[in-house]
């Protein structure tokens, strides 16, 4: 199993790097949208939507806000070019406000899991509510990663991926070596507090390496390292959120598309939670020092 995971990751990681640095923003957003729609199909399975037609309709419903958001941002880009009003790219009003509910949801999920994982597993929700929550989560992940690519240099997007990968690896080995205290035994018996501390330590190291390499000021280094730690912390509980969804559904994996990993959601769960938090933090840091 570990060998399969390593091989799969070795194939996918270079593809991600190439997509970030080589693809135009529009193509990157399109490919990321395709990935998110596959993840949405898996979420529909977790929500226990059995009808194939129903799943297709779910994907079509998700496409509506994705298309609207894409063309709205394209409109702003064209307007900025025509009027030389470049600040419109950074201050696009309503779009930035969408960060708030996305970030608040993941902090709510984190606090809910910390309060008691067993209570979350007993939570009853209708099919429509499950689809609504999953749809909003996935659309937010698509939009804010696409927007991060537009608003920042490619290195910032790559950093987000490297941050989550490094935290995941550190959590695995720290948990294997030192893991004793269970983090959320009802949801994921394998995850430990020691593993979480390893992931947070990796976030500090990654944040310091990134900011020192690019010559950030002292204050912005502190802010960025703090953002990296918060992003990783939320990503850990994002993983647990999707693990809880799998336990409620009674399945081990969200799919079988990735050998050794399961479904796309099994690999993207941490990243999906991290994206809006990281984007909001980067935007806020830029705003503070602008």
Protein backbone atom coordinates (compact mmCIF):
# COMPACT_ATOMS: atom_id res chain seq x y z
CA UNK A 1 0.00 0.00 0.00
CA UNK A 2 2.77 2.46 0.94
CA UNK A 3 4.65 1.65 -2.27
CA UNK A 4 1.51 2.31 -4.33
CA UNK A 5 1.03 5.65 -2.57
CA UNK A 6 4.64 6.65 -3.24
CA UNK A 7 4.40 5.70 -6.93
CA UNK A 8 1.10 7.54 -7.39
CA UNK A 9 2.43 10.64 -5.62
CA UNK A 10 5.64 10.52 -7.69
CA UNK A 11 3.56 10.67 -10.86
CA UNK A 12 1.06 13.31 -9.72
CA UNK A 13 3.44 15.76 -8.01
CA UNK A 14 5.43 16.66 -11.19
CA UNK A 15 2.16 17.07 -13.08
CA UNK A 16 0.94 19.56 -10.47
CA UNK A 17 4.19 21.53 -10.67
CA UNK A 18 4.04 21.63 -14.48
CA UNK A 19 0.40 22.76 -14.40
CA UNK A 20 1.21 25.60 -12.00
CA UNK A 21 4.17 26.96 -13.95
CA UNK A 22 3.35 26.09 -17.55
CA UNK A 23 -0.40 26.44 -18.01
CA UNK A 24 -2.20 29.75 -18.64
CA UNK A 25 -4.56 30.69 -15.83
CA UNK A 26 -7.64 29.78 -17.86
CA UNK A 27 -6.37 26.27 -18.61
CA UNK A 28 -5.31 25.75 -15.02
CA UNK A 29 -8.78 26.75 -13.82
CA UNK A 30 -10.36 24.41 -16.37
CA UNK A 31 -8.28 21.41 -15.31
CA UNK A 32 -8.83 22.21 -11.63
CA UNK A 33 -12.57 22.43 -12.33
CA UNK A 34 -12.47 18.97 -13.91
CA UNK A 35 -10.70 17.60 -10.82
CA UNK A 36 -13.24 19.26 -8.53
CA UNK A 37 -16.15 17.80 -10.50
CA UNK A 38 -14.71 14.31 -10.11
CA UNK A 39 -14.42 15.00 -6.39
CA UNK A 40 -18.04 16.22 -6.45
CA UNK A 41 -19.11 12.90 -7.96
CA UNK A 42 -17.37 11.12 -5.08
CA UNK A 43 -19.06 13.45 -2.59
CA UNK A 44 -22.42 12.59 -4.12
CA UNK A 45 -21.63 8.94 -3.36
CA UNK A 46 -20.75 9.85 0.23
CA UNK A 47 -24.03 11.74 0.50
CA UNK A 48 -25.75 8.49 -0.62
CA UNK A 49 -27.10 9.91 -3.86
CA UNK A 50 -27.74 6.69 -5.77
CA UNK A 51 -29.16 7.93 -9.06
CA UNK A 52 -26.66 8.49 -11.88
CA UNK A 53 -28.95 11.16 -13.31
CA UNK A 54 -29.07 12.81 -9.90
CA UNK A 55 -25.27 12.89 -9.73
CA UNK A 56 -25.03 14.41 -13.19
CA UNK A 57 -27.56 17.07 -12.22
CA UNK A 58 -25.52 17.78 -9.08
CA UNK A 59 -22.44 18.40 -11.20
CA UNK A 60 -24.40 20.63 -13.58
CA UNK A 61 -25.69 22.67 -10.64
CA UNK A 62 -22.12 23.17 -9.41
CA UNK A 63 -21.08 24.35 -12.85
CA UNK A 64 -23.45 27.33 -12.67
CA UNK A 65 -21.62 29.29 -9.90
CA UNK A 66 -18.25 28.17 -11.28
CA UNK A 67 -19.03 29.60 -14.72
CA UNK A 68 -20.50 32.79 -13.23
CA UNK A 69 -17.49 33.34 -10.98
CA UNK A 70 -15.06 32.66 -13.81
CA UNK A 71 -16.68 35.12 -16.22
CA UNK A 72 -17.05 37.75 -13.49
CA UNK A 73 -13.33 37.63 -12.76
CA UNK A 74 -12.58 37.68 -16.50
CA UNK A 75 -14.78 40.75 -16.82
CA UNK A 76 -12.79 42.48 -14.07
CA UNK A 77 -9.53 41.62 -15.83
CA UNK A 78 -10.78 43.09 -19.12
CA UNK A 79 -12.07 46.19 -17.34
CA UNK A 80 -8.71 46.66 -15.63
CA UNK A 81 -6.91 46.42 -18.98
CA UNK A 82 -9.26 48.83 -20.74
CA UNK A 83 -9.21 51.48 -18.02
CA UNK A 84 -5.67 50.94 -16.65
CA UNK A 85 -7.31 50.56 -13.27
CA UNK A 86 -5.02 47.76 -12.10
CA UNK A 87 -6.19 47.98 -8.47
CA UNK A 88 -9.46 46.38 -9.50
CA UNK A 89 -7.66 43.04 -9.63
CA UNK A 90 -6.84 43.33 -5.94
CA UNK A 91 -10.04 44.89 -4.68
CA UNK A 92 -12.91 43.18 -6.40
CA UNK A 93 -15.51 43.80 -3.75
CA UNK A 94 -18.06 41.06 -3.44
CA UNK A 95 -15.68 38.32 -4.60
CA UNK A 96 -13.35 38.80 -1.65
CA UNK A 97 -16.31 38.65 0.75
CA UNK A 98 -16.82 35.04 -0.32
CA UNK A 99 -13.75 34.21 1.75
CA UNK A 100 -15.66 34.83 4.95
CA UNK A 101 -18.25 32.00 4.86
CA UNK A 102 -15.67 29.55 3.46
CA UNK A 103 -13.17 30.26 6.23
CA UNK A 104 -15.84 30.34 8.95
CA UNK A 105 -17.15 26.94 7.85
CA UNK A 106 -13.77 25.26 8.25
CA UNK A 107 -13.16 26.85 11.63
CA UNK A 108 -16.64 25.69 12.68
CA UNK A 109 -15.83 22.16 11.48
CA UNK A 110 -12.54 22.20 13.37
CA UNK A 111 -14.16 23.33 16.60
CA UNK A 112 -17.00 20.83 16.18
CA UNK A 113 -14.57 17.93 15.77
CA UNK A 114 -12.42 19.08 18.69
CA UNK A 115 -15.50 19.33 20.87
CA UNK A 116 -16.51 15.74 20.17
CA UNK A 117 -16.04 13.56 17.12
CA UNK A 118 -18.66 11.08 18.26
CA UNK A 119 -21.31 13.80 18.21
CA UNK A 120 -20.40 14.67 14.63
CA UNK A 121 -20.81 11.03 13.61
CA UNK A 122 -24.33 11.06 15.07
CA UNK A 123 -25.25 14.21 13.19
CA UNK A 124 -28.24 13.60 10.93
CA UNK A 125 -28.52 15.60 7.74
CA UNK A 126 -30.82 15.31 4.76
CA UNK A 127 -29.49 14.43 1.30
CA UNK A 128 -30.10 17.97 0.06
CA UNK A 129 -28.17 19.47 2.97
CA UNK A 130 -25.23 17.12 2.42
CA UNK A 131 -25.12 18.02 -1.27
CA UNK A 132 -25.37 21.73 -0.47
CA UNK A 133 -22.51 21.64 2.04
CA UNK A 134 -20.29 19.53 -0.19
CA UNK A 135 -21.06 21.64 -3.24
CA UNK A 136 -20.21 24.91 -1.49
CA UNK A 137 -16.98 23.44 -0.09
CA UNK A 138 -15.84 22.21 -3.49
CA UNK A 139 -16.79 25.36 -5.40
CA UNK A 140 -14.90 27.45 -2.83
CA UNK A 141 -11.82 25.23 -3.23
CA UNK A 142 -11.97 25.59 -7.00
CA UNK A 143 -12.51 29.32 -6.97
CA UNK A 144 -9.91 30.37 -4.43
CA UNK A 145 -7.15 28.18 -5.84
CA UNK A 146 -7.90 29.55 -9.32
CA UNK A 147 -7.89 33.06 -7.89
CA UNK A 148 -4.64 32.48 -6.03
CA UNK A 149 -3.07 31.63 -9.40
CA UNK A 150 -4.31 34.93 -10.83
CA UNK A 151 -3.52 37.17 -7.88
CA UNK A 152 -0.12 35.78 -6.89
CA UNK A 153 3.01 34.46 -8.53
CA UNK A 154 3.03 30.71 -9.33
CA UNK A 155 5.50 30.16 -6.47
CA UNK A 156 2.76 31.02 -3.96
CA UNK A 157 0.43 28.35 -5.36
CA UNK A 158 3.25 25.82 -5.41
CA UNK A 159 4.05 26.71 -1.81
CA UNK A 160 0.50 25.85 -0.76
CA UNK A 161 0.83 22.39 -2.30
CA UNK A 162 4.29 21.86 -0.82
CA UNK A 163 3.05 23.01 2.57
CA UNK A 164 0.22 20.47 2.65
CA UNK A 165 2.42 17.69 1.28
CA UNK A 166 5.17 18.39 3.81
CA UNK A 167 2.67 18.53 6.67
CA UNK A 168 1.10 15.26 5.56
CA UNK A 169 4.48 13.51 5.40
CA UNK A 170 5.62 14.96 8.74
CA UNK A 171 2.36 13.92 10.41
CA UNK A 172 2.73 10.37 9.07
CA UNK A 173 6.30 9.85 10.30
CA UNK A 174 5.86 11.73 13.59
CA UNK A 175 2.74 9.70 14.28
CA UNK A 176 4.54 6.46 13.46
CA UNK A 177 7.51 7.31 15.67
CA UNK A 178 5.94 9.14 18.60
CA UNK A 179 2.17 8.72 18.25
CA UNK A 180 0.42 7.86 21.52
CA UNK A 181 -2.43 10.30 22.16
CA UNK A 182 -5.35 9.93 19.75
CA UNK A 183 -6.53 13.11 18.05
CA UNK A 184 -10.06 12.00 17.16
CA UNK A 185 -10.29 8.28 17.82
CA UNK A 186 -13.97 8.01 16.90
CA UNK A 187 -13.32 9.43 13.44
CA UNK A 188 -9.78 8.37 12.54
CA UNK A 189 -8.05 6.04 15.04
CA UNK A 190 -4.70 6.38 13.26
CA UNK A 191 -4.31 10.13 13.76
CA UNK A 192 -2.48 11.31 16.88
CA UNK A 193 -1.68 14.60 18.60
CA UNK A 194 2.01 13.85 18.12
CA UNK A 195 1.43 13.51 14.39
CA UNK A 196 -0.38 16.84 14.39
CA UNK A 197 2.53 18.48 16.21
CA UNK A 198 4.87 17.08 13.57
CA UNK A 199 2.71 18.62 10.84
CA UNK A 200 2.68 22.00 12.61
CA UNK A 201 6.46 21.89 13.03
CA UNK A 202 6.77 21.22 9.31
CA UNK A 203 4.56 24.26 8.67
CA UNK A 204 6.93 26.47 10.67
CA UNK A 205 9.96 25.15 8.77
CA UNK A 206 8.25 25.55 5.40
CA UNK A 207 7.08 29.08 6.21
CA UNK A 208 10.56 30.15 7.33
CA UNK A 209 12.26 28.62 4.28
CA UNK A 210 9.82 30.27 1.87
CA UNK A 211 9.91 33.75 3.42
CA UNK A 212 13.68 33.81 3.93
CA UNK A 213 14.30 32.62 0.37
CA UNK A 214 12.13 35.40 -1.08
CA UNK A 215 13.40 38.05 1.33
CA UNK A 216 10.25 38.88 3.31
CA UNK A 217 10.45 41.54 6.01
CA UNK A 218 10.63 40.41 9.65
CA UNK A 219 7.01 41.24 10.38
CA UNK A 220 5.71 39.59 7.24
CA UNK A 221 7.80 36.48 8.03
CA UNK A 222 6.02 36.17 11.37
CA UNK A 223 2.64 36.66 9.74
CA UNK A 224 3.35 34.16 6.96
CA UNK A 225 4.67 31.49 9.32
CA UNK A 226 1.58 31.96 11.48
CA UNK A 227 -0.61 31.64 8.37
CA UNK A 228 1.21 28.44 7.40
CA UNK A 229 0.57 26.95 10.85
CA UNK A 230 -3.12 27.91 10.81
CA UNK A 231 -3.50 26.56 7.27
CA UNK A 232 -2.00 23.20 8.23
CA UNK A 233 -4.09 23.03 11.40
CA UNK A 234 -7.29 23.58 9.41
CA UNK A 235 -6.13 21.09 6.77
CA UNK A 236 -5.78 18.38 9.44
CA UNK A 237 -9.36 18.90 10.56
CA UNK A 238 -10.46 19.08 6.94
CA UNK A 239 -9.07 15.57 6.57
CA UNK A 240 -11.01 14.53 9.67
CA UNK A 241 -14.19 16.14 8.32
CA UNK A 242 -14.09 13.98 5.20
CA UNK A 243 -13.11 10.95 7.30
CA UNK A 244 -16.25 11.54 9.36
CA UNK A 245 -18.31 11.67 6.16
CA UNK A 246 -16.82 8.32 5.11
CA UNK A 247 -17.57 6.77 8.51
CA UNK A 248 -21.16 7.98 8.38
CA UNK A 249 -21.49 6.46 4.92
CA UNK A 250 -19.72 3.29 6.01
CA UNK A 251 -16.93 3.28 3.40
CA UNK A 252 -13.13 3.25 3.71
CA UNK A 253 -12.33 5.36 0.64
CA UNK A 254 -14.22 7.90 -1.45
CA UNK A 255 -13.31 6.05 -4.66
CA UNK A 256 -10.73 3.94 -6.45
CA UNK A 257 -9.37 6.32 -9.08
CA UNK A 258 -5.89 6.64 -7.48
CA UNK A 259 -4.01 3.38 -6.75
CA UNK A 260 -3.02 3.21 -3.09
CA UNK A 261 -4.84 6.46 -2.30
CA UNK A 262 -8.50 5.70 -2.99
CA UNK A 263 -10.53 8.50 -4.53
CA UNK A 264 -9.60 12.07 -5.36
CA UNK A 265 -11.29 13.29 -2.18
CA UNK A 266 -9.03 10.98 -0.18
CA UNK A 267 -6.04 12.95 -1.48
CA UNK A 268 -7.59 16.40 -1.72
CA UNK A 269 -9.41 16.53 1.62
CA UNK A 270 -6.66 18.47 3.43
CA UNK A 271 -6.04 20.77 0.46
CA UNK A 272 -9.74 21.55 -0.01
CA UNK A 273 -9.95 22.83 3.56
CA UNK A 274 -6.63 24.67 3.34
CA UNK A 275 -7.28 26.62 0.14
CA UNK A 276 -9.78 29.27 1.33
CA UNK A 277 -7.93 29.77 4.63
CA UNK A 278 -4.58 30.20 2.89
CA UNK A 279 -6.01 32.52 0.24
CA UNK A 280 -7.72 34.67 2.87
CA UNK A 281 -4.50 34.88 4.88
CA UNK A 282 -2.37 35.84 1.87
CA UNK A 283 -4.92 38.45 0.85
CA UNK A 284 -5.00 39.87 4.38
CA UNK A 285 -1.19 40.01 4.66
CA UNK A 286 -0.97 41.77 1.27
CA UNK A 287 -3.64 44.23 2.40
CA UNK A 288 -1.82 44.97 5.68
CA UNK A 289 1.50 45.70 3.99
CA UNK A 290 0.22 47.45 0.89
